[in-house]
Amino acid sequence: MLLGRILGWLLMAVALLALGGDGLRWLETGMVQFISLGDFWARLDPPTWTLLQKIGSDYLPPILWDPGLATILRWPAVVVLGVFGLVLLLIFRRRAAKRRQRFGALS
């Protein structure tokens, strides 16, 4: 469960990086324009972005690729990464009962 929390925090950190880039673009141009997840991924790691496009178009069913994943890749990166990170953090959060059990034995 620790791995899920770590992945959630990493996604939240990358979402903050995307938000920082969007903020810098807003300061430079004066226009608020969020970068899409696909564009963010293409800038972050071009080889894996190319591989994802190849796999998506060649091996996935068209209904899963074009209206499904391609739509998510057009959404703002900060929203997608932040929501996925938050969901992972909520799923893998520490449970209150375990904490009470742990600290109750100490007192």
C-alpha atoms as a PDB file:
ATOM      1  CA  MET A   1       0.000   0.000   0.000  1.00  0.00           C
ATOM      2  CA  LEU A   2       3.001   2.239   0.427  1.00  0.00           C
ATOM      3  CA  LEU A   3       3.674   1.951  -3.313  1.00  0.00           C
ATOM      4  CA  GLY A   4       0.182   3.273  -4.098  1.00  0.00           C
ATOM      5  CA  ARG A   5       0.711   6.296  -1.836  1.00  0.00           C
ATOM      6  CA  ILE A   6       4.124   6.982  -3.377  1.00  0.00           C
ATOM      7  CA  LEU A   7       2.661   6.802  -6.894  1.00  0.00           C
ATOM      8  CA  GLY A   8      -0.177   9.091  -5.828  1.00  0.00           C
ATOM      9  CA  TRP A   9       2.254  11.693  -4.451  1.00  0.00           C
ATOM     10  CA  LEU A  10       4.385  11.440  -7.602  1.00  0.00           C
ATOM     11  CA  LEU A  11       1.349  12.089  -9.787  1.00  0.00           C
ATOM     12  CA  MET A  12       0.412  15.060  -7.607  1.00  0.00           C
ATOM     13  CA  ALA A  13       3.972  16.422  -7.951  1.00  0.00           C
ATOM     14  CA  VAL A  14       3.879  16.059 -11.749  1.00  0.00           C
ATOM     15  CA  ALA A  15       0.471  17.782 -11.765  1.00  0.00           C
ATOM     16  CA  LEU A  16       2.057  20.686  -9.889  1.00  0.00           C
ATOM     17  CA  LEU A  17       4.854  20.790 -12.490  1.00  0.00           C
ATOM     18  CA  ALA A  18       2.235  21.018 -15.244  1.00  0.00           C
ATOM     19  CA  LEU A  19       0.442  23.753 -13.314  1.00  0.00           C
ATOM     20  CA  GLY A  20       3.723  25.643 -12.922  1.00  0.00           C
ATOM     21  CA  GLY A  21       4.325  25.449 -16.665  1.00  0.00           C
ATOM     22  CA  ASP A  22       0.802  26.693 -17.309  1.00  0.00           C
ATOM     23  CA  GLY A  23       1.396  29.543 -14.874  1.00  0.00           C
ATOM     24  CA  LEU A  24       4.627  30.535 -16.603  1.00  0.00           C
ATOM     25  CA  ARG A  25       2.870  30.481 -19.978  1.00  0.00           C
ATOM     26  CA  TRP A  26       0.141  32.714 -18.503  1.00  0.00           C
ATOM     27  CA  LEU A  27       2.776  35.185 -17.247  1.00  0.00           C
ATOM     28  CA  GLU A  28       4.506  35.244 -20.650  1.00  0.00           C
ATOM     29  CA  THR A  29       1.434  35.548 -22.873  1.00  0.00           C
ATOM     30  CA  GLY A  30      -1.220  36.948 -20.550  1.00  0.00           C
ATOM     31  CA  MET A  31      -3.612  34.174 -21.605  1.00  0.00           C
ATOM     32  CA  VAL A  32      -4.661  31.230 -19.445  1.00  0.00           C
ATOM     33  CA  GLN A  33      -4.148  28.121 -21.534  1.00  0.00           C
ATOM     34  CA  PHE A  34      -3.708  24.684 -19.973  1.00  0.00           C
ATOM     35  CA  ILE A  35      -1.449  22.127 -21.642  1.00  0.00           C
ATOM     36  CA  SER A  36      -3.160  18.874 -22.611  1.00  0.00           C
ATOM     37  CA  LEU A  37      -1.997  15.599 -21.143  1.00  0.00           C
ATOM     38  CA  GLY A  38      -0.852  14.415 -24.579  1.00  0.00           C
ATOM     39  CA  ASP A  39       1.226  17.535 -25.238  1.00  0.00           C
ATOM     40  CA  PHE A  40       2.676  17.386 -21.723  1.00  0.00           C
ATOM     41  CA  TRP A  41       3.629  13.732 -22.217  1.00  0.00           C
ATOM     42  CA  ALA A  42       5.118  14.459 -25.649  1.00  0.00           C
ATOM     43  CA  ARG A  43       7.331  17.179 -24.150  1.00  0.00           C
ATOM     44  CA  LEU A  44       8.265  15.116 -21.102  1.00  0.00           C
ATOM     45  CA  ASP A  45       9.208  11.871 -22.886  1.00  0.00           C
ATOM     46  CA  PRO A  46       8.848  11.851 -26.712  1.00  0.00           C
ATOM     47  CA  PRO A  47       9.837   8.179 -27.307  1.00  0.00           C
ATOM     48  CA  THR A  48       7.155   6.772 -24.998  1.00  0.00           C
ATOM     49  CA  TRP A  49       4.599   9.193 -26.446  1.00  0.00           C
ATOM     50  CA  THR A  50       5.352   7.871 -29.937  1.00  0.00           C
ATOM     51  CA  LEU A  51       5.113   4.294 -28.636  1.00  0.00           C
ATOM     52  CA  LEU A  52       1.747   4.999 -27.001  1.00  0.00           C
ATOM     53  CA  GLN A  53       0.375   6.458 -30.236  1.00  0.00           C
ATOM     54  CA  LYS A  54       1.614   3.449 -32.220  1.00  0.00           C
ATOM     55  CA  ILE A  55       0.153   0.934 -29.773  1.00  0.00           C
ATOM     56  CA  GLY A  56      -3.112   2.848 -29.519  1.00  0.00           C
ATOM     57  CA  SER A  57      -3.700   3.163 -33.227  1.00  0.00           C
ATOM     58  CA  ASP A  58      -2.434  -0.296 -34.252  1.00  0.00           C
ATOM     59  CA  TYR A  59      -3.421  -2.669 -31.462  1.00  0.00           C
ATOM     60  CA  LEU A  60      -6.326  -1.190 -29.499  1.00  0.00           C
ATOM     61  CA  PRO A  61      -9.883  -1.400 -30.812  1.00  0.00           C
ATOM     62  CA  PRO A  62     -10.825   1.883 -32.511  1.00  0.00           C
ATOM     63  CA  ILE A  63     -13.666   2.565 -30.078  1.00  0.00           C
ATOM     64  CA  LEU A  64     -11.285   2.283 -27.120  1.00  0.00           C
ATOM     65  CA  TRP A  65      -8.585   4.457 -28.668  1.00  0.00           C
ATOM     66  CA  ASP A  66     -10.316   7.343 -30.415  1.00  0.00           C
ATOM     67  CA  PRO A  67     -13.293   8.267 -28.290  1.00  0.00           C
ATOM     68  CA  GLY A  68     -11.753   6.759 -25.141  1.00  0.00           C
ATOM     69  CA  LEU A  69      -8.079   7.324 -24.466  1.00  0.00           C
ATOM     70  CA  ALA A  70      -7.565  10.039 -27.072  1.00  0.00           C
ATOM     71  CA  THR A  71     -10.229  12.136 -25.363  1.00  0.00           C
ATOM     72  CA  ILE A  72      -8.497  11.830 -21.989  1.00  0.00           C
ATOM     73  CA  LEU A  73      -5.183  12.779 -23.611  1.00  0.00           C
ATOM     74  CA  ARG A  74      -6.792  16.042 -24.820  1.00  0.00           C
ATOM     75  CA  TRP A  75      -7.866  17.058 -21.289  1.00  0.00           C
ATOM     76  CA  PRO A  76      -5.674  19.429 -19.226  1.00  0.00           C
ATOM     77  CA  ALA A  77      -2.689  17.599 -17.745  1.00  0.00           C
ATOM     78  CA  VAL A  78      -3.031  19.239 -14.349  1.00  0.00           C
ATOM     79  CA  VAL A  79      -6.609  17.972 -13.994  1.00  0.00           C
ATOM     80  CA  VAL A  80      -5.988  14.403 -15.169  1.00  0.00           C
ATOM     81  CA  LEU A  81      -2.784  13.908 -13.175  1.00  0.00           C
ATOM     82  CA  GLY A  82      -4.210  15.614 -10.112  1.00  0.00           C
ATOM     83  CA  VAL A  83      -7.398  13.550 -10.113  1.00  0.00           C
ATOM     84  CA  PHE A  84      -5.557  10.253 -10.638  1.00  0.00           C
ATOM     85  CA  GLY A  85      -3.067  11.179  -7.913  1.00  0.00           C
ATOM     86  CA  LEU A  86      -5.842  12.131  -5.512  1.00  0.00           C
ATOM     87  CA  VAL A  87      -7.744   8.918  -6.229  1.00  0.00           C
ATOM     88  CA  LEU A  88      -4.630   6.841  -5.524  1.00  0.00           C
ATOM     89  CA  LEU A  89      -3.979   8.748  -2.301  1.00  0.00           C
ATOM     90  CA  LEU A  90      -7.560   8.170  -1.164  1.00  0.00           C
ATOM     91  CA  ILE A  91      -7.552   4.480  -2.080  1.00  0.00           C
ATOM     92  CA  PHE A  92      -4.219   3.769  -0.396  1.00  0.00           C
ATOM     93  CA  ARG A  93      -4.580   6.089   2.602  1.00  0.00           C
ATOM     94  CA  ARG A  94      -3.725   4.864   6.051  1.00  0.00           C
ATOM     95  CA  ARG A  95      -6.761   3.598   7.890  1.00  0.00           C
ATOM     96  CA  ALA A  96      -7.681   5.221  11.197  1.00  0.00           C
ATOM     97  CA  ALA A  97      -8.362   1.861  12.888  1.00  0.00           C
ATOM     98  CA  LYS A  98      -4.841   0.649  12.187  1.00  0.00           C
ATOM     99  CA  ARG A  99      -3.406   3.891  13.569  1.00  0.00           C
ATOM    100  CA  ARG A 100      -5.490   3.667  16.755  1.00  0.00           C
ATOM    101  CA  GLN A 101      -4.467   0.049  17.178  1.00  0.00           C
ATOM    102  CA  ARG A 102      -0.803   0.897  16.730  1.00  0.00           C
ATOM    103  CA  PHE A 103      -0.793   3.891  19.054  1.00  0.00           C
ATOM    104  CA  GLY A 104      -3.222   2.344  21.540  1.00  0.00           C
ATOM    105  CA  ALA A 105      -0.729  -0.409  22.288  1.00  0.00           C
ATOM    106  CA  LEU A 106       1.918   2.199  23.135  1.00  0.00           C
ATOM    107  CA  SER A 107      -0.095   4.011  25.792  1.00  0.00           C
END
